[in-house]
Amino acid sequence: MAPVTHHYHVYVIELSKDVLYEKRFLKANPGYVSGKPCVYVGMTGQDPDTRFDKHKAGIKSNRYAREYGLRLLPHLYDMYNPMPYDGARDMEVELAIALREAGYGVWQA
């Protein structure tokens, strides 16, 4: 029997500070510490680079990732990948919470 390969990933996209003009983003981040990065946290069955490109191209994209996404921040997620679907689903939420608690502005959809 072949070993099970996990191909799900969490990823973090740095967002432009212009996202701070969005009322919904600010409301979701009452503890945002000025100067900290603003980020989008997601999970995917694709390579994070491919998923980022799709966000920017408007393919199944989150509006904040599409309009404000600057670059991936692999130092915040590489150590977790790859993983099974359930692990990625849970890690997306846990990573978003951890970053928000560290003062980041976070959008996680």
PDB file of N, CA and C in Angstrom:
ATOM      1  N   MET A   1       0.845  -1.184   0.000  1.00  0.00           N
ATOM      2  CA  MET A   1       0.000   0.000   0.000  1.00  0.00           C
ATOM      3  C   MET A   1       0.894   1.252   0.000  1.00  0.00           C
ATOM      4  N   ALA A   2       0.600   2.179  -0.886  1.00  0.00           N
ATOM      5  CA  ALA A   2       1.407   3.402  -0.997  1.00  0.00           C
ATOM      6  C   ALA A   2       1.179   4.307   0.203  1.00  0.00           C
ATOM      7  N   PRO A   3       2.207   5.023   0.618  1.00  0.00           N
ATOM      8  CA  PRO A   3       2.021   5.953   1.738  1.00  0.00           C
ATOM      9  C   PRO A   3       1.070   7.083   1.355  1.00  0.00           C
ATOM     10  N   VAL A   4       0.338   7.558   2.323  1.00  0.00           N
ATOM     11  CA  VAL A   4      -0.586   8.666   2.089  1.00  0.00           C
ATOM     12  C   VAL A   4       0.228   9.953   1.973  1.00  0.00           C
ATOM     13  N   THR A   5      -0.032  10.703   0.923  1.00  0.00           N
ATOM     14  CA  THR A   5       0.659  11.978   0.776  1.00  0.00           C
ATOM     15  C   THR A   5      -0.325  13.099   1.095  1.00  0.00           C
ATOM     16  N   HIS A   6       0.130  14.029   1.868  1.00  0.00           N
ATOM     17  CA  HIS A   6      -0.701  15.170   2.231  1.00  0.00           C
ATOM     18  C   HIS A   6      -0.361  16.312   1.291  1.00  0.00           C
ATOM     19  N   HIS A   7      -1.403  16.962   0.783  1.00  0.00           N
ATOM     20  CA  HIS A   7      -1.130  18.031  -0.179  1.00  0.00           C
ATOM     21  C   HIS A   7      -1.874  19.325   0.129  1.00  0.00           C
ATOM     22  N   TYR A   8      -2.343  19.486   1.352  1.00  0.00           N
ATOM     23  CA  TYR A   8      -2.995  20.739   1.722  1.00  0.00           C
ATOM     24  C   TYR A   8      -1.994  21.655   2.410  1.00  0.00           C
ATOM     25  N   HIS A   9      -2.226  22.953   2.237  1.00  0.00           N
ATOM     26  CA  HIS A   9      -1.300  23.960   2.754  1.00  0.00           C
ATOM     27  C   HIS A   9      -2.068  25.108   3.386  1.00  0.00           C
ATOM     28  N   VAL A  10      -1.488  25.679   4.434  1.00  0.00           N
ATOM     29  CA  VAL A  10      -1.933  26.995   4.889  1.00  0.00           C
ATOM     30  C   VAL A  10      -0.960  27.990   4.264  1.00  0.00           C
ATOM     31  N   TYR A  11      -1.427  29.217   4.096  1.00  0.00           N
ATOM     32  CA  TYR A  11      -0.559  30.240   3.519  1.00  0.00           C
ATOM     33  C   TYR A  11      -0.947  31.592   4.077  1.00  0.00           C
ATOM     34  N   VAL A  12      -0.001  32.524   4.025  1.00  0.00           N
ATOM     35  CA  VAL A  12      -0.213  33.876   4.538  1.00  0.00           C
ATOM     36  C   VAL A  12       0.237  34.857   3.458  1.00  0.00           C
ATOM     37  N   ILE A  13      -0.670  35.773   3.114  1.00  0.00           N
ATOM     38  CA  ILE A  13      -0.384  36.817   2.130  1.00  0.00           C
ATOM     39  C   ILE A  13      -0.270  38.149   2.859  1.00  0.00           C
ATOM     40  N   GLU A  14       0.833  38.859   2.635  1.00  0.00           N
ATOM     41  CA  GLU A  14       0.944  40.209   3.186  1.00  0.00           C
ATOM     42  C   GLU A  14       0.019  41.131   2.397  1.00  0.00           C
ATOM     43  N   LEU A  15      -0.745  41.944   3.113  1.00  0.00           N
ATOM     44  CA  LEU A  15      -1.658  42.895   2.486  1.00  0.00           C
ATOM     45  C   LEU A  15      -1.101  44.311   2.612  1.00  0.00           C
ATOM     46  N   SER A  16      -1.393  45.122   1.617  1.00  0.00           N
ATOM     47  CA  SER A  16      -1.035  46.535   1.654  1.00  0.00           C
ATOM     48  C   SER A  16      -1.714  47.190   2.861  1.00  0.00           C
ATOM     49  N   LYS A  17      -1.059  48.166   3.444  1.00  0.00           N
ATOM     50  CA  LYS A  17      -1.642  48.894   4.581  1.00  0.00           C
ATOM     51  C   LYS A  17      -2.921  49.632   4.173  1.00  0.00           C
ATOM     52  N   ASP A  18      -3.149  49.798   2.872  1.00  0.00           N
ATOM     53  CA  ASP A  18      -4.380  50.439   2.406  1.00  0.00           C
ATOM     54  C   ASP A  18      -5.622  49.669   2.857  1.00  0.00           C
ATOM     55  N   VAL A  19      -5.458  48.384   3.196  1.00  0.00           N
ATOM     56  CA  VAL A  19      -6.595  47.593   3.671  1.00  0.00           C
ATOM     57  C   VAL A  19      -7.145  48.172   4.980  1.00  0.00           C
ATOM     58  N   LEU A  20      -6.334  48.960   5.683  1.00  0.00           N
ATOM     59  CA  LEU A  20      -6.780  49.565   6.945  1.00  0.00           C
ATOM     60  C   LEU A  20      -7.856  50.633   6.736  1.00  0.00           C
ATOM     61  N   TYR A  21      -8.105  51.034   5.484  1.00  0.00           N
ATOM     62  CA  TYR A  21      -9.201  51.954   5.192  1.00  0.00           C
ATOM     63  C   TYR A  21     -10.537  51.223   5.055  1.00  0.00           C
ATOM     64  N   GLU A  22     -10.495  49.895   5.082  1.00  0.00           N
ATOM     65  CA  GLU A  22     -11.705  49.085   4.946  1.00  0.00           C
ATOM     66  C   GLU A  22     -12.341  48.897   6.332  1.00  0.00           C
ATOM     67  N   LYS A  23     -13.574  49.385   6.492  1.00  0.00           N
ATOM     68  CA  LYS A  23     -14.248  49.293   7.794  1.00  0.00           C
ATOM     69  C   LYS A  23     -14.385  47.859   8.286  1.00  0.00           C
ATOM     70  N   ARG A  24     -14.729  46.931   7.391  1.00  0.00           N
ATOM     71  CA  ARG A  24     -14.897  45.527   7.804  1.00  0.00           C
ATOM     72  C   ARG A  24     -13.582  44.943   8.313  1.00  0.00           C
ATOM     73  N   PHE A  25     -12.484  45.305   7.664  1.00  0.00           N
ATOM     74  CA  PHE A  25     -11.182  44.797   8.090  1.00  0.00           C
ATOM     75  C   PHE A  25     -10.841  45.342   9.474  1.00  0.00           C
ATOM     76  N   LEU A  26     -11.035  46.625   9.677  1.00  0.00           N
ATOM     77  CA  LEU A  26     -10.747  47.237  10.982  1.00  0.00           C
ATOM     78  C   LEU A  26     -11.621  46.639  12.079  1.00  0.00           C
ATOM     79  N   LYS A  27     -12.901  46.433  11.777  1.00  0.00           N
ATOM     80  CA  LYS A  27     -13.833  45.880  12.768  1.00  0.00           C
ATOM     81  C   LYS A  27     -13.406  44.472  13.193  1.00  0.00           C
ATOM     82  N   ALA A  28     -12.823  43.714  12.262  1.00  0.00           N
ATOM     83  CA  ALA A  28     -12.380  42.342  12.553  1.00  0.00           C
ATOM     84  C   ALA A  28     -11.063  42.320  13.332  1.00  0.00           C
ATOM     85  N   ASN A  29     -10.424  43.481  13.475  1.00  0.00           N
ATOM     86  CA  ASN A  29      -9.105  43.550  14.104  1.00  0.00           C
ATOM     87  C   ASN A  29      -9.020  44.666  15.148  1.00  0.00           C
ATOM     88  N   PRO A  30      -9.847  44.582  16.190  1.00  0.00           N
ATOM     89  CA  PRO A  30      -9.848  45.654  17.192  1.00  0.00           C
ATOM     90  C   PRO A  30      -8.524  45.771  17.952  1.00  0.00           C
ATOM     91  N   GLY A  31      -7.731  44.693  17.991  1.00  0.00           N
ATOM     92  CA  GLY A  31      -6.459  44.725  18.711  1.00  0.00           C
ATOM     93  C   GLY A  31      -5.261  44.964  17.812  1.00  0.00           C
ATOM     94  N   TYR A  32      -5.512  45.444  16.582  1.00  0.00           N
ATOM     95  CA  TYR A  32      -4.412  45.670  15.648  1.00  0.00           C
ATOM     96  C   TYR A  32      -3.404  46.651  16.239  1.00  0.00           C
ATOM     97  N   VAL A  33      -2.126  46.291  16.173  1.00  0.00           N
ATOM     98  CA  VAL A  33      -1.038  47.137  16.657  1.00  0.00           C
ATOM     99  C   VAL A  33      -0.448  47.880  15.461  1.00  0.00           C
ATOM    100  N   SER A  34      -0.528  49.198  15.499  1.00  0.00           N
ATOM    101  CA  SER A  34      -0.032  50.025  14.402  1.00  0.00           C
ATOM    102  C   SER A  34       1.406  49.654  14.052  1.00  0.00           C
ATOM    103  N   GLY A  35       1.644  49.470  12.756  1.00  0.00           N
ATOM    104  CA  GLY A  35       2.975  49.123  12.284  1.00  0.00           C
ATOM    105  C   GLY A  35       3.163  47.639  12.021  1.00  0.00           C
ATOM    106  N   LYS A  36       2.320  46.798  12.621  1.00  0.00           N
ATOM    107  CA  LYS A  36       2.406  45.350  12.372  1.00  0.00           C
ATOM    108  C   LYS A  36       1.862  45.061  10.975  1.00  0.00           C
ATOM    109  N   PRO A  37       2.266  43.930  10.387  1.00  0.00           N
ATOM    110  CA  PRO A  37       1.745  43.587   9.058  1.00  0.00           C
ATOM    111  C   PRO A  37       0.236  43.316   9.077  1.00  0.00           C
ATOM    112  N   CYS A  38      -0.376  43.535   7.933  1.00  0.00           N
ATOM    113  CA  CYS A  38      -1.754  43.114   7.682  1.00  0.00           C
ATOM    114  C   CYS A  38      -1.647  41.910   6.753  1.00  0.00           C
ATOM    115  N   VAL A  39      -2.424  40.860   7.028  1.00  0.00           N
ATOM    116  CA  VAL A  39      -2.283  39.616   6.288  1.00  0.00           C
ATOM    117  C   VAL A  39      -3.630  38.961   6.003  1.00  0.00           C
ATOM    118  N   TYR A  40      -3.629  38.118   4.988  1.00  0.00           N
ATOM    119  CA  TYR A  40      -4.741  37.217   4.689  1.00  0.00           C
ATOM    120  C   TYR A  40      -4.225  35.813   4.959  1.00  0.00           C
ATOM    121  N   VAL A  41      -4.983  35.017   5.714  1.00  0.00           N
ATOM    122  CA  VAL A  41      -4.606  33.634   6.003  1.00  0.00           C
ATOM    123  C   VAL A  41      -5.595  32.711   5.301  1.00  0.00           C
ATOM    124  N   GLY A  42      -5.066  31.748   4.548  1.00  0.00           N
ATOM    125  CA  GLY A  42      -5.933  30.823   3.829  1.00  0.00           C
ATOM    126  C   GLY A  42      -5.389  29.409   3.863  1.00  0.00           C
ATOM    127  N   MET A  43      -6.180  28.500   3.283  1.00  0.00           N
ATOM    128  CA  MET A  43      -5.735  27.119   3.108  1.00  0.00           C
ATOM    129  C   MET A  43      -6.083  26.698   1.694  1.00  0.00           C
ATOM    130  N   THR A  44      -5.304  25.749   1.164  1.00  0.00           N
ATOM    131  CA  THR A  44      -5.499  25.340  -0.222  1.00  0.00           C
ATOM    132  C   THR A  44      -4.975  23.929  -0.447  1.00  0.00           C
ATOM    133  N   GLY A  45      -5.488  23.294  -1.464  1.00  0.00           N
ATOM    134  CA  GLY A  45      -4.970  22.005  -1.915  1.00  0.00           C
ATOM    135  C   GLY A  45      -3.923  22.196  -3.002  1.00  0.00           C
ATOM    136  N   GLN A  46      -3.624  23.448  -3.307  1.00  0.00           N
ATOM    137  CA  GLN A  46      -2.637  23.783  -4.343  1.00  0.00           C
ATOM    138  C   GLN A  46      -1.353  24.279  -3.685  1.00  0.00           C
ATOM    139  N   ASP A  47      -0.351  24.464  -4.505  1.00  0.00           N
ATOM    140  CA  ASP A  47       0.867  25.108  -4.030  1.00  0.00           C
ATOM    141  C   ASP A  47       0.502  26.556  -3.659  1.00  0.00           C
ATOM    142  N   PRO A  48       0.980  27.067  -2.526  1.00  0.00           N
ATOM    143  CA  PRO A  48       0.637  28.439  -2.147  1.00  0.00           C
ATOM    144  C   PRO A  48       0.952  29.488  -3.215  1.00  0.00           C
ATOM    145  N   ASP A  49       2.041  29.318  -3.972  1.00  0.00           N
ATOM    146  CA  ASP A  49       2.365  30.270  -5.043  1.00  0.00           C
ATOM    147  C   ASP A  49       1.273  30.292  -6.110  1.00  0.00           C
ATOM    148  N   THR A  50       0.791  29.107  -6.471  1.00  0.00           N
ATOM    149  CA  THR A  50      -0.278  28.996  -7.468  1.00  0.00           C
ATOM    150  C   THR A  50      -1.549  29.646  -6.931  1.00  0.00           C
ATOM    151  N   ARG A  51      -1.865  29.388  -5.670  1.00  0.00           N
ATOM    152  CA  ARG A  51      -3.082  29.942  -5.078  1.00  0.00           C
ATOM    153  C   ARG A  51      -2.999  31.471  -5.016  1.00  0.00           C
ATOM    154  N   PHE A  52      -1.840  32.000  -4.648  1.00  0.00           N
ATOM    155  CA  PHE A  52      -1.664  33.453  -4.616  1.00  0.00           C
ATOM    156  C   PHE A  52      -1.911  34.051  -6.002  1.00  0.00           C
ATOM    157  N   ASP A  53      -1.332  33.429  -7.032  1.00  0.00           N
ATOM    158  CA  ASP A  53      -1.521  33.917  -8.405  1.00  0.00           C
ATOM    159  C   ASP A  53      -2.998  33.919  -8.781  1.00  0.00           C
ATOM    160  N   LYS A  54      -3.741  32.894  -8.338  1.00  0.00           N
ATOM    161  CA  LYS A  54      -5.176  32.833  -8.649  1.00  0.00           C
ATOM    162  C   LYS A  54      -5.948  33.929  -7.918  1.00  0.00           C
ATOM    163  N   HIS A  55      -5.589  34.187  -6.672  1.00  0.00           N
ATOM    164  CA  HIS A  55      -6.219  35.314  -5.959  1.00  0.00           C
ATOM    165  C   HIS A  55      -6.031  36.590  -6.770  1.00  0.00           C
ATOM    166  N   LYS A  56      -4.789  36.859  -7.177  1.00  0.00           N
ATOM    167  CA  LYS A  56      -4.485  38.102  -7.889  1.00  0.00           C
ATOM    168  C   LYS A  56      -5.183  38.177  -9.250  1.00  0.00           C
ATOM    169  N   ALA A  57      -5.434  37.006  -9.859  1.00  0.00           N
ATOM    170  CA  ALA A  57      -6.101  36.958 -11.162  1.00  0.00           C
ATOM    171  C   ALA A  57      -7.626  36.985 -11.029  1.00  0.00           C
ATOM    172  N   GLY A  58      -8.122  36.945  -9.794  1.00  0.00           N
ATOM    173  CA  GLY A  58      -9.568  36.980  -9.594  1.00  0.00           C
ATOM    174  C   GLY A  58     -10.241  35.625  -9.697  1.00  0.00           C
ATOM    175  N   ILE A  59      -9.471  34.537  -9.631  1.00  0.00           N
ATOM    176  CA  ILE A  59     -10.027  33.185  -9.730  1.00  0.00           C
ATOM    177  C   ILE A  59     -10.292  32.661  -8.320  1.00  0.00           C
ATOM    178  N   LYS A  60     -11.593  32.512  -7.981  1.00  0.00           N
ATOM    179  CA  LYS A  60     -11.992  32.087  -6.631  1.00  0.00           C
ATOM    180  C   LYS A  60     -11.229  32.872  -5.576  1.00  0.00           C
ATOM    181  N   SER A  61     -11.180  34.184  -5.784  1.00  0.00           N
ATOM    182  CA  SER A  61     -10.322  35.003  -4.938  1.00  0.00           C
ATOM    183  C   SER A  61     -11.091  35.684  -3.829  1.00  0.00           C
ATOM    184  N   ASN A  62     -10.388  35.957  -2.754  1.00  0.00           N
ATOM    185  CA  ASN A  62     -10.892  36.808  -1.694  1.00  0.00           C
ATOM    186  C   ASN A  62     -10.607  38.242  -2.121  1.00  0.00           C
ATOM    187  N   ARG A  63     -11.560  39.137  -1.904  1.00  0.00           N
ATOM    188  CA  ARG A  63     -11.397  40.520  -2.349  1.00  0.00           C
ATOM    189  C   ARG A  63     -10.166  41.184  -1.729  1.00  0.00           C
ATOM    190  N   TYR A  64      -9.939  40.974  -0.435  1.00  0.00           N
ATOM    191  CA  TYR A  64      -8.782  41.594   0.208  1.00  0.00           C
ATOM    192  C   TYR A  64      -7.471  41.042  -0.369  1.00  0.00           C
ATOM    193  N   ALA A  65      -7.426  39.734  -0.602  1.00  0.00           N
ATOM    194  CA  ALA A  65      -6.216  39.139  -1.180  1.00  0.00           C
ATOM    195  C   ALA A  65      -5.995  39.641  -2.606  1.00  0.00           C
ATOM    196  N   ARG A  66      -7.085  39.775  -3.369  1.00  0.00           N
ATOM    197  CA  ARG A  66      -6.979  40.233  -4.762  1.00  0.00           C
ATOM    198  C   ARG A  66      -6.561  41.700  -4.834  1.00  0.00           C
ATOM    199  N   GLU A  67      -7.230  42.566  -4.054  1.00  0.00           N
ATOM    200  CA  GLU A  67      -6.996  44.000  -4.169  1.00  0.00           C
ATOM    201  C   GLU A  67      -5.769  44.490  -3.402  1.00  0.00           C
ATOM    202  N   TYR A  68      -5.444  43.836  -2.284  1.00  0.00           N
ATOM    203  CA  TYR A  68      -4.388  44.347  -1.413  1.00  0.00           C
ATOM    204  C   TYR A  68      -3.189  43.407  -1.262  1.00  0.00           C
ATOM    205  N   GLY A  69      -3.282  42.194  -1.842  1.00  0.00           N
ATOM    206  CA  GLY A  69      -2.205  41.221  -1.683  1.00  0.00           C
ATOM    207  C   GLY A  69      -0.905  41.680  -2.323  1.00  0.00           C
ATOM    208  N   LEU A  70       0.175  41.611  -1.536  1.00  0.00           N
ATOM    209  CA  LEU A  70       1.488  42.038  -2.019  1.00  0.00           C
ATOM    210  C   LEU A  70       2.397  40.855  -2.323  1.00  0.00           C
ATOM    211  N   ARG A  71       2.500  39.930  -1.358  1.00  0.00           N
ATOM    212  CA  ARG A  71       3.419  38.795  -1.503  1.00  0.00           C
ATOM    213  C   ARG A  71       3.079  37.756  -0.443  1.00  0.00           C
ATOM    214  N   LEU A  72       3.544  36.545  -0.678  1.00  0.00           N
ATOM    215  CA  LEU A  72       3.425  35.492   0.333  1.00  0.00           C
ATOM    216  C   LEU A  72       4.474  35.718   1.417  1.00  0.00           C
ATOM    217  N   LEU A  73       4.146  35.278   2.631  1.00  0.00           N
ATOM    218  CA  LEU A  73       5.078  35.359   3.767  1.00  0.00           C
ATOM    219  C   LEU A  73       5.367  33.944   4.263  1.00  0.00           C
ATOM    220  N   PRO A  74       6.171  33.180   3.488  1.00  0.00           N
ATOM    221  CA  PRO A  74       6.381  31.764   3.816  1.00  0.00           C
ATOM    222  C   PRO A  74       6.995  31.509   5.185  1.00  0.00           C
ATOM    223  N   HIS A  75       7.729  32.473   5.750  1.00  0.00           N
ATOM    224  CA  HIS A  75       8.314  32.249   7.076  1.00  0.00           C
ATOM    225  C   HIS A  75       7.237  32.083   8.152  1.00  0.00           C
ATOM    226  N   LEU A  76       5.999  32.474   7.830  1.00  0.00           N
ATOM    227  CA  LEU A  76       4.901  32.326   8.789  1.00  0.00           C
ATOM    228  C   LEU A  76       4.127  31.010   8.649  1.00  0.00           C
ATOM    229  N   TYR A  77       4.394  30.249   7.561  1.00  0.00           N
ATOM    230  CA  TYR A  77       3.590  29.040   7.364  1.00  0.00           C
ATOM    231  C   TYR A  77       4.349  27.820   6.859  1.00  0.00           C
ATOM    232  N   ASP A  78       5.527  27.985   6.282  1.00  0.00           N
ATOM    233  CA  ASP A  78       6.238  26.845   5.672  1.00  0.00           C
ATOM    234  C   ASP A  78       6.397  25.647   6.605  1.00  0.00           C
ATOM    235  N   MET A  79       6.614  25.907   7.888  1.00  0.00           N
ATOM    236  CA  MET A  79       6.888  24.818   8.826  1.00  0.00           C
ATOM    237  C   MET A  79       5.693  23.895   9.030  1.00  0.00           C
ATOM    238  N   TYR A  80       4.501  24.330   8.625  1.00  0.00           N
ATOM    239  CA  TYR A  80       3.295  23.513   8.831  1.00  0.00           C
ATOM    240  C   TYR A  80       2.949  22.640   7.618  1.00  0.00           C
ATOM    241  N   ASN A  81       3.487  22.956   6.459  1.00  0.00           N
ATOM    242  CA  ASN A  81       3.052  22.323   5.207  1.00  0.00           C
ATOM    243  C   ASN A  81       3.952  21.187   4.762  1.00  0.00           C
ATOM    244  N   PRO A  82       3.441  20.232   3.976  1.00  0.00           N
ATOM    245  CA  PRO A  82       2.022  20.005   3.700  1.00  0.00           C
ATOM    246  C   PRO A  82       1.365  19.238   4.851  1.00  0.00           C
ATOM    247  N   MET A  83       0.036  19.127   4.788  1.00  0.00           N
ATOM    248  CA  MET A  83      -0.708  18.437   5.841  1.00  0.00           C
ATOM    249  C   MET A  83      -2.023  17.907   5.278  1.00  0.00           C
ATOM    250  N   PRO A  84      -2.700  17.050   6.045  1.00  0.00           N
ATOM    251  CA  PRO A  84      -4.003  16.559   5.578  1.00  0.00           C
ATOM    252  C   PRO A  84      -5.047  17.687   5.618  1.00  0.00           C
ATOM    253  N   TYR A  85      -6.151  17.474   4.913  1.00  0.00           N
ATOM    254  CA  TYR A  85      -7.210  18.484   4.806  1.00  0.00           C
ATOM    255  C   TYR A  85      -7.661  18.985   6.178  1.00  0.00           C
ATOM    256  N   ASP A  86      -7.992  18.078   7.081  1.00  0.00           N
ATOM    257  CA  ASP A  86      -8.491  18.491   8.398  1.00  0.00           C
ATOM    258  C   ASP A  86      -7.465  19.319   9.152  1.00  0.00           C
ATOM    259  N   GLY A  87      -6.198  18.948   9.028  1.00  0.00           N
ATOM    260  CA  GLY A  87      -5.139  19.701   9.683  1.00  0.00           C
ATOM    261  C   GLY A  87      -5.023  21.105   9.129  1.00  0.00           C
ATOM    262  N   ALA A  88      -5.120  21.231   7.804  1.00  0.00           N
ATOM    263  CA  ALA A  88      -5.019  22.545   7.164  1.00  0.00           C
ATOM    264  C   ALA A  88      -6.212  23.418   7.537  1.00  0.00           C
ATOM    265  N   ARG A  89      -7.396  22.812   7.566  1.00  0.00           N
ATOM    266  CA  ARG A  89      -8.596  23.568   7.925  1.00  0.00           C
ATOM    267  C   ARG A  89      -8.466  24.133   9.343  1.00  0.00           C
ATOM    268  N   ASP A  90      -7.996  23.300  10.267  1.00  0.00           N
ATOM    269  CA  ASP A  90      -7.829  23.743  11.651  1.00  0.00           C
ATOM    270  C   ASP A  90      -6.678  24.734  11.789  1.00  0.00           C
ATOM    271  N   MET A  91      -5.576  24.469  11.099  1.00  0.00           N
ATOM    272  CA  MET A  91      -4.396  25.332  11.203  1.00  0.00           C
ATOM    273  C   MET A  91      -4.680  26.726  10.647  1.00  0.00           C
ATOM    274  N   GLU A  92      -5.515  26.815   9.609  1.00  0.00           N
ATOM    275  CA  GLU A  92      -5.871  28.133   9.061  1.00  0.00           C
ATOM    276  C   GLU A  92      -6.473  29.005  10.161  1.00  0.00           C
ATOM    277  N   VAL A  93      -7.389  28.445  10.939  1.00  0.00           N
ATOM    278  CA  VAL A  93      -8.040  29.190  12.021  1.00  0.00           C
ATOM    279  C   VAL A  93      -7.042  29.495  13.139  1.00  0.00           C
ATOM    280  N   GLU A  94      -6.264  28.482  13.538  1.00  0.00           N
ATOM    281  CA  GLU A  94      -5.305  28.658  14.636  1.00  0.00           C
ATOM    282  C   GLU A  94      -4.235  29.693  14.291  1.00  0.00           C
ATOM    283  N   LEU A  95      -3.742  29.654  13.057  1.00  0.00           N
ATOM    284  CA  LEU A  95      -2.711  30.600  12.633  1.00  0.00           C
ATOM    285  C   LEU A  95      -3.275  32.024  12.607  1.00  0.00           C
ATOM    286  N   ALA A  96      -4.499  32.171  12.110  1.00  0.00           N
ATOM    287  CA  ALA A  96      -5.135  33.496  12.082  1.00  0.00           C
ATOM    288  C   ALA A  96      -5.287  34.042  13.502  1.00  0.00           C
ATOM    289  N   ILE A  97      -5.729  33.204  14.422  1.00  0.00           N
ATOM    290  CA  ILE A  97      -5.893  33.622  15.819  1.00  0.00           C
ATOM    291  C   ILE A  97      -4.550  34.028  16.414  1.00  0.00           C
ATOM    292  N   ALA A  98      -3.521  33.207  16.184  1.00  0.00           N
ATOM    293  CA  ALA A  98      -2.187  33.487  16.746  1.00  0.00           C
ATOM    294  C   ALA A  98      -1.638  34.813  16.210  1.00  0.00           C
ATOM    295  N   LEU A  99      -1.791  35.049  14.912  1.00  0.00           N
ATOM    296  CA  LEU A  99      -1.279  36.293  14.329  1.00  0.00           C
ATOM    297  C   LEU A  99      -2.065  37.501  14.848  1.00  0.00           C
ATOM    298  N   ARG A 100      -3.381  37.350  14.969  1.00  0.00           N
ATOM    299  CA  ARG A 100      -4.207  38.446  15.492  1.00  0.00           C
ATOM    300  C   ARG A 100      -3.799  38.756  16.935  1.00  0.00           C
ATOM    301  N   GLU A 101      -3.558  37.703  17.719  1.00  0.00           N
ATOM    302  CA  GLU A 101      -3.135  37.902  19.114  1.00  0.00           C
ATOM    303  C   GLU A 101      -1.765  38.574  19.193  1.00  0.00           C
ATOM    304  N   ALA A 102      -0.939  38.408  18.150  1.00  0.00           N
ATOM    305  CA  ALA A 102       0.380  39.047  18.100  1.00  0.00           C
ATOM    306  C   ALA A 102       0.297  40.480  17.573  1.00  0.00           C
ATOM    307  N   GLY A 103      -0.916  40.969  17.318  1.00  0.00           N
ATOM    308  CA  GLY A 103      -1.091  42.351  16.890  1.00  0.00           C
ATOM    309  C   GLY A 103      -1.217  42.577  15.400  1.00  0.00           C
ATOM    310  N   TYR A 104      -1.145  41.490  14.618  1.00  0.00           N
ATOM    311  CA  TYR A 104      -1.303  41.607  13.175  1.00  0.00           C
ATOM    312  C   TYR A 104      -2.753  41.988  12.842  1.00  0.00           C
ATOM    313  N   GLY A 105      -2.924  42.633  11.683  1.00  0.00           N
ATOM    314  CA  GLY A 105      -4.250  42.792  11.109  1.00  0.00           C
ATOM    315  C   GLY A 105      -4.485  41.552  10.263  1.00  0.00           C
ATOM    316  N   VAL A 106      -5.563  40.792  10.538  1.00  0.00           N
ATOM    317  CA  VAL A 106      -5.756  39.490   9.893  1.00  0.00           C
ATOM    318  C   VAL A 106      -7.144  39.397   9.262  1.00  0.00           C
ATOM    319  N   TRP A 107      -7.172  38.887   8.033  1.00  0.00           N
ATOM    320  CA  TRP A 107      -8.424  38.480   7.408  1.00  0.00           C
ATOM    321  C   TRP A 107      -8.315  37.006   7.113  1.00  0.00           C
ATOM    322  N   GLN A 108      -9.286  36.249   7.576  1.00  0.00           N
ATOM    323  CA  GLN A 108      -9.306  34.798   7.363  1.00  0.00           C
ATOM    324  C   GLN A 108     -10.733  34.464   6.978  1.00  0.00           C
ATOM    325  N   ALA A 109     -10.912  33.945   5.762  1.00  0.00           N
ATOM    326  CA  ALA A 109     -12.264  33.702   5.267  1.00  0.00           C
ATOM    327  C   ALA A 109     -12.604  32.223   5.246  1.00  0.00           C
TER     328      ALA A 109
END
